[in-house]
C-alpha cells in the first residue's frame, strides 16, 4: 500500500484502530464487565477494524495489486513463510530478553524493579517506533534498489538511514532524558519508590536509542539486499545475546542499574561487531557507505 501511494489509508487505519481499542475497552469495563479477557478481546477486535480498512484498498478499481485465487500457490506460500523467518527470530529474541530481564530483576531487585521495567518497556516501545519507521523504509527501498541493481541509490539509502537514525533518535533521547519524570508519572505516580527507580532506569535506557536505530536500520538493510542470515545473526545478538550477557555481568556489580545499562552496552557491542565485520568483509578499508553496502566489487 505504501508503494502504491496509499499511505493516508494506512494512517486512517491506525487512527481507527486506536479509537476502536479505546471504545471497546470502555464498553468492556462499563457495560460487559469482561475483566482481563474482555480487555484482550477488545484489543484483538481493534486490529480487525484496521485490517478491514486496509483490505478495502485491494477491491478498488484503481488498485495496483489485486487479490487472486491462483496466487495461493505452494511456492509463493513457501516464499512468504521463508521471508518471514527473520521477523520471527527478531521477535523471539526480544521476548526471551524480557523474560530474562524480569528474572534478573526479581533476583537483584524486587517486584518494584519489575514494575519499573514494565514502565520502561512501555515508554521504550514508543521510542522504538521511530527507529522502526526508519528501518521499515530502509528494508523496502533496499529491496527495490537491489532488484534494480542501483548501487548509487543503495549508497544514498545507507547514508540517509544513518543520518536520520542519529538525528531523530538523538532528539528523542534528549526529550526522554528531560521528560523522564513526567513520563513515568503517568504510570507510577502513587508509588514514589518505584517511580524513582523507573525514572533512573528510563534515563539510562534512553542512551541506547541511537545505536539501536543504527543497528536495526542496518540489519533490515541486510535483509533487503538478501543477506538474510546476517540479519538473523544481528537480531539474535542485538535483541538477546549481547544485552543478556551485559545484564548478567553488570547486575552482579551494579544491581538494577546494571540491568538498565545493559541496553546501552548490548547495542554498543552489536554496533562494534557490525563495524568489525564490515571492515573485515571490505578488506580492511574505510568504514564508508560503500563498505557497509556489502555489495560485490
Protein backbone atom coordinates (compact mmCIF):
# COMPACT_ATOMS: atom_id res chain seq x y z
CA UNK A 1 0.00 0.00 0.00
CA UNK A 2 2.92 2.32 0.68
CA UNK A 3 4.38 1.51 -2.74
CA UNK A 4 1.09 2.42 -4.41
CA UNK A 5 0.85 5.76 -2.60
CA UNK A 6 -1.92 4.77 -0.17
CA UNK A 7 -0.25 6.00 2.98
CA UNK A 8 -3.29 8.04 4.01
CA UNK A 9 -5.38 4.88 4.22
CA UNK A 10 -2.73 3.34 6.49
CA UNK A 11 -2.82 6.37 8.78
CA UNK A 12 -6.62 6.24 8.88
CA UNK A 13 -6.47 2.51 9.69
CA UNK A 14 -4.13 3.11 12.63
CA UNK A 15 -6.23 6.00 13.97
CA UNK A 16 -9.43 3.96 13.74
CA UNK A 17 -7.70 1.02 15.40
CA UNK A 18 -6.68 3.23 18.31
CA UNK A 19 -10.12 4.77 18.63
CA UNK A 20 -11.79 1.36 18.42
CA UNK A 21 -9.48 -0.02 21.12
CA UNK A 22 -10.46 2.82 23.48
CA UNK A 23 -14.19 2.40 22.74
CA UNK A 24 -14.06 -1.39 23.14
CA UNK A 25 -12.12 -1.07 26.40
CA UNK A 26 -14.72 1.32 27.78
CA UNK A 27 -17.56 -0.99 26.72
CA UNK A 28 -15.78 -3.90 28.40
CA UNK A 29 -15.32 -2.02 31.68
CA UNK A 30 -18.63 -0.15 31.82
CA UNK A 31 -21.07 -2.49 30.07
CA UNK A 32 -19.89 -6.08 29.62
CA UNK A 33 -17.65 -6.37 32.73
CA UNK A 34 -15.40 -8.79 30.85
CA UNK A 35 -12.32 -8.31 33.01
CA UNK A 36 -8.86 -9.19 31.66
CA UNK A 37 -10.28 -11.46 28.95
CA UNK A 38 -12.52 -8.63 27.76
CA UNK A 39 -9.58 -6.22 27.56
CA UNK A 40 -7.63 -8.71 25.46
CA UNK A 41 -10.63 -9.29 23.20
CA UNK A 42 -11.10 -5.52 22.81
CA UNK A 43 -7.51 -5.10 21.63
CA UNK A 44 -7.88 -8.01 19.18
CA UNK A 45 -11.09 -6.62 17.72
CA UNK A 46 -9.47 -3.22 17.18
CA UNK A 47 -6.86 -4.85 14.96
CA UNK A 48 -9.62 -6.29 12.80
CA UNK A 49 -11.02 -2.80 12.35
CA UNK A 50 -7.66 -1.67 10.94
CA UNK A 51 -7.42 -4.78 8.76
CA UNK A 52 -10.85 -4.17 7.22
CA UNK A 53 -9.88 -0.58 6.36
CA UNK A 54 -6.70 -1.81 4.71
CA UNK A 55 -8.37 -4.63 2.80
CA UNK A 56 -10.82 -2.18 1.27
CA UNK A 57 -7.99 -0.80 -0.87
CA UNK A 58 -7.47 -4.09 -2.68
CA UNK A 59 -11.04 -4.10 -4.00
CA UNK A 60 -10.79 -0.65 -5.60
CA UNK A 61 -10.59 -0.47 -9.40
CA UNK A 62 -7.58 1.84 -9.12
CA UNK A 63 -5.68 -0.71 -7.01
CA UNK A 64 -2.29 -1.67 -8.42
CA UNK A 65 -2.36 -5.04 -6.65
CA UNK A 66 -5.28 -7.44 -6.77
CA UNK A 67 -6.19 -10.49 -4.71
CA UNK A 68 -6.23 -13.54 -6.98
CA UNK A 69 -7.08 -17.12 -6.12
CA UNK A 70 -4.41 -18.50 -8.41
CA UNK A 71 -1.86 -16.56 -6.39
CA UNK A 72 -2.31 -19.00 -3.49
CA UNK A 73 0.30 -21.40 -4.81
CA UNK A 74 2.56 -23.58 -2.62
CA UNK A 75 5.73 -21.99 -4.00
CA UNK A 76 4.52 -18.47 -3.15
CA UNK A 77 3.35 -19.52 0.31
CA UNK A 78 6.73 -21.15 0.96
CA UNK A 79 8.47 -17.94 -0.10
CA UNK A 80 6.25 -15.85 2.20
CA UNK A 81 6.98 -18.16 5.15
CA UNK A 82 10.70 -18.16 4.36
CA UNK A 83 10.85 -14.36 4.14
CA UNK A 84 9.04 -14.16 7.48
CA UNK A 85 11.64 -16.20 9.37
CA UNK A 86 13.90 -13.17 10.15
CA UNK A 87 10.95 -11.37 11.74
CA UNK A 88 10.12 -14.44 13.84
CA UNK A 89 13.72 -14.67 15.05
CA UNK A 90 13.76 -10.94 15.78
CA UNK A 91 10.59 -11.11 17.89
CA UNK A 92 11.55 -14.32 19.71
CA UNK A 93 14.86 -12.73 20.72
CA UNK A 94 13.01 -9.75 22.20
CA UNK A 95 10.59 -11.98 24.13
CA UNK A 96 13.44 -14.07 25.57
CA UNK A 97 15.21 -10.89 26.67
CA UNK A 98 12.12 -9.64 28.51
CA UNK A 99 11.78 -12.97 30.33
CA UNK A 100 15.46 -12.94 31.32
CA UNK A 101 15.37 -9.32 32.49
CA UNK A 102 12.31 -9.99 34.64
CA UNK A 103 14.11 -12.95 36.20
CA UNK A 104 17.28 -10.93 36.90
CA UNK A 105 15.31 -8.02 38.35
CA UNK A 106 13.49 -10.33 40.75
CA UNK A 107 16.88 -11.56 41.98
CA UNK A 108 18.79 -8.27 42.29
CA UNK A 109 15.80 -6.03 42.97
CA UNK A 110 12.20 -6.80 43.81
CA UNK A 111 8.72 -6.66 42.37
CA UNK A 112 9.14 -2.88 42.40
CA UNK A 113 12.05 -3.25 39.95
CA UNK A 114 9.88 -5.45 37.72
CA UNK A 115 7.14 -2.80 37.80
CA UNK A 116 9.70 -0.14 36.89
CA UNK A 117 10.89 -2.29 33.97
CA UNK A 118 7.32 -2.61 32.74
CA UNK A 119 7.05 1.19 32.56
CA UNK A 120 10.45 1.48 30.87
CA UNK A 121 9.37 -1.09 28.29
CA UNK A 122 6.14 0.77 27.60
CA UNK A 123 7.87 4.12 27.05
CA UNK A 124 10.67 2.33 25.20
CA UNK A 125 8.20 0.91 22.69
CA UNK A 126 7.16 4.47 21.86
CA UNK A 127 10.81 5.38 21.32
CA UNK A 128 11.43 2.28 19.20
CA UNK A 129 8.63 3.39 16.87
CA UNK A 130 10.95 6.00 15.36
CA UNK A 131 13.77 3.56 14.62
CA UNK A 132 11.15 1.06 13.43
CA UNK A 133 9.85 3.56 10.89
CA UNK A 134 13.34 4.29 9.58
CA UNK A 135 14.09 0.56 9.37
CA UNK A 136 10.87 -0.31 7.53
CA UNK A 137 11.58 2.27 4.85
CA UNK A 138 15.18 1.06 4.61
CA UNK A 139 14.04 -2.54 4.09
CA UNK A 140 11.52 -1.61 1.41
CA UNK A 141 13.84 0.66 -0.59
CA UNK A 142 16.83 -1.66 -0.23
CA UNK A 143 14.83 -4.49 -1.80
CA UNK A 144 13.70 -2.24 -4.68
CA UNK A 145 17.17 -0.86 -5.39
CA UNK A 146 18.71 -4.34 -5.18
CA UNK A 147 16.32 -5.69 -7.81
CA UNK A 148 17.13 -2.66 -9.99
CA UNK A 149 20.89 -3.17 -9.33
CA UNK A 150 21.06 0.52 -8.43
CA UNK A 151 24.30 0.77 -6.43
CA UNK A 152 24.31 4.57 -6.14
CA UNK A 153 20.80 4.57 -4.64
CA UNK A 154 21.81 1.89 -2.13
CA UNK A 155 24.77 4.04 -1.08
CA UNK A 156 22.46 7.04 -0.73
CA UNK A 157 19.96 4.94 1.23
CA UNK A 158 22.59 3.86 3.74
CA UNK A 159 23.74 7.45 4.16
CA UNK A 160 20.19 8.68 4.69
CA UNK A 161 19.42 5.86 7.13
CA UNK A 162 22.50 6.71 9.19
CA UNK A 163 21.73 10.45 9.14
CA UNK A 164 18.11 10.11 10.25
CA UNK A 165 18.88 7.39 12.80
CA UNK A 166 21.42 9.64 14.51
CA UNK A 167 19.50 12.90 14.14
CA UNK A 168 15.97 11.77 15.02
CA UNK A 169 16.93 9.40 17.83
CA UNK A 170 19.33 11.96 19.36
CA UNK A 171 16.37 14.32 19.69
CA UNK A 172 14.21 11.54 21.16
CA UNK A 173 16.98 10.66 23.63
CA UNK A 174 17.23 14.27 24.76
CA UNK A 175 13.45 14.52 25.19
CA UNK A 176 13.32 11.33 27.26
CA UNK A 177 16.20 12.49 29.47
CA UNK A 178 14.36 15.75 30.15
CA UNK A 179 10.83 14.36 30.45
CA UNK A 180 11.60 11.04 32.17
CA UNK A 181 9.88 12.00 35.44
CA UNK A 182 6.53 13.15 33.96
CA UNK A 183 6.52 10.18 31.58
CA UNK A 184 6.98 7.71 34.42
CA UNK A 185 4.46 9.67 36.50
CA UNK A 186 1.75 8.68 34.02
CA UNK A 187 2.10 5.10 35.30
CA UNK A 188 3.65 5.12 38.79
CA UNK A 189 2.68 8.42 40.40
CA UNK A 190 1.27 6.70 43.52
CA UNK A 191 4.44 4.67 44.24
CA UNK A 192 7.41 7.02 44.95
CA UNK A 193 9.96 4.20 45.30
CA UNK A 194 9.03 2.53 42.02
CA UNK A 195 8.79 5.90 40.31
CA UNK A 196 12.33 6.91 41.36
CA UNK A 197 13.68 3.58 40.15
CA UNK A 198 11.84 3.82 36.83
CA UNK A 199 12.97 7.41 36.20
CA UNK A 200 16.61 6.43 36.66
CA UNK A 201 16.13 3.32 34.55
CA UNK A 202 14.36 5.19 31.74
CA UNK A 203 17.15 7.74 31.51
CA UNK A 204 19.80 5.03 31.35
CA UNK A 205 17.73 3.11 28.81
CA UNK A 206 17.35 6.15 26.54
CA UNK A 207 21.12 6.21 25.97
CA UNK A 208 20.77 3.11 23.78
CA UNK A 209 18.35 4.63 21.27
CA UNK A 210 20.89 5.95 18.75
CA UNK A 211 22.99 2.77 18.44
CA UNK A 212 19.76 0.76 18.46
CA UNK A 213 18.43 2.73 15.48
CA UNK A 214 21.70 2.25 13.60
CA UNK A 215 21.75 -1.49 14.29
CA UNK A 216 18.09 -2.02 13.47
CA UNK A 217 18.25 0.05 10.28
CA UNK A 218 21.34 -1.81 9.11
CA UNK A 219 20.01 -5.30 9.79
CA UNK A 220 16.86 -4.53 7.80
CA UNK A 221 19.05 -3.17 5.02
CA UNK A 222 20.84 -6.54 5.06
CA UNK A 223 17.51 -8.33 4.73
CA UNK A 224 16.57 -6.04 1.84
CA UNK A 225 19.71 -6.91 -0.14
CA UNK A 226 19.26 -10.63 0.50
CA UNK A 227 21.75 -11.09 3.35
CA UNK A 228 19.09 -12.80 5.47
CA UNK A 229 21.44 -14.95 7.54
CA UNK A 230 23.45 -11.88 8.57
CA UNK A 231 20.22 -10.12 9.52
CA UNK A 232 19.24 -13.08 11.72
CA UNK A 233 22.65 -13.14 13.43
CA UNK A 234 22.46 -9.41 14.16
CA UNK A 235 18.91 -9.83 15.52
CA UNK A 236 19.92 -12.55 17.98
CA UNK A 237 22.99 -10.62 19.09
CA UNK A 238 21.31 -7.24 19.35
CA UNK A 239 17.98 -8.32 20.82
CA UNK A 240 19.08 -11.07 23.17
CA UNK A 241 22.63 -12.41 23.42
CA UNK A 242 24.65 -9.22 23.94
CA UNK A 243 22.25 -7.34 26.27
CA UNK A 244 21.65 -10.59 28.19
CA UNK A 245 25.38 -11.08 28.78
CA UNK A 246 25.73 -7.43 29.77
CA UNK A 247 22.81 -7.69 32.21
CA UNK A 248 24.15 -10.87 33.83
CA UNK A 249 27.57 -9.29 34.30
CA UNK A 250 26.64 -5.73 35.26
CA UNK A 251 23.76 -6.67 37.58
CA UNK A 252 26.21 -8.64 39.73
CA UNK A 253 28.09 -5.40 40.47
CA UNK A 254 25.55 -2.60 39.96
CA UNK A 255 22.23 -4.25 40.79
CA UNK A 256 19.23 -2.87 38.91
CA UNK A 257 21.35 -0.08 37.40
CA UNK A 258 23.37 -2.80 35.66
CA UNK A 259 20.20 -4.09 34.01
CA UNK A 260 19.29 -0.61 32.76
CA UNK A 261 22.83 -0.08 31.43
CA UNK A 262 22.77 -3.42 29.61
CA UNK A 263 20.58 -1.86 26.90
CA UNK A 264 23.34 0.61 26.03
CA UNK A 265 26.13 -1.96 26.40
CA UNK A 266 24.33 -4.54 24.28
CA UNK A 267 23.51 -2.12 21.45
CA UNK A 268 27.01 -0.62 21.52
CA UNK A 269 28.59 -4.08 21.41
CA UNK A 270 26.37 -5.04 18.48
CA UNK A 271 27.32 -1.87 16.60
CA UNK A 272 31.01 -2.52 17.24
CA UNK A 273 30.74 -6.10 15.98
CA UNK A 274 28.91 -4.93 12.85
CA UNK A 275 31.70 -2.43 12.16
CA UNK A 276 34.36 -5.12 12.67
CA UNK A 277 32.50 -7.47 10.32
CA UNK A 278 32.15 -4.78 7.65
CA UNK A 279 35.81 -3.85 7.97
CA UNK A 280 36.83 -7.45 7.50
CA UNK A 281 34.40 -8.00 4.61
CA UNK A 282 35.70 -4.89 2.85
CA UNK A 283 39.33 -5.97 3.18
CA UNK A 284 40.20 -3.57 5.98
CA UNK A 285 39.26 -0.41 4.14
CA UNK A 286 37.41 2.69 5.32
CA UNK A 287 34.04 2.25 7.03
CA UNK A 288 32.15 4.31 4.44
CA UNK A 289 28.75 3.62 2.89
CA UNK A 290 30.37 1.61 0.10
CA UNK A 291 31.87 -0.76 2.66
CA UNK A 292 28.62 -1.06 4.63
CA UNK A 293 26.66 -1.75 1.45
CA UNK A 294 28.27 -5.23 1.29
CA UNK A 295 27.86 -5.19 -2.48
CA UNK A 296 30.20 -7.27 -4.66
CA UNK A 297 33.07 -5.33 -6.23
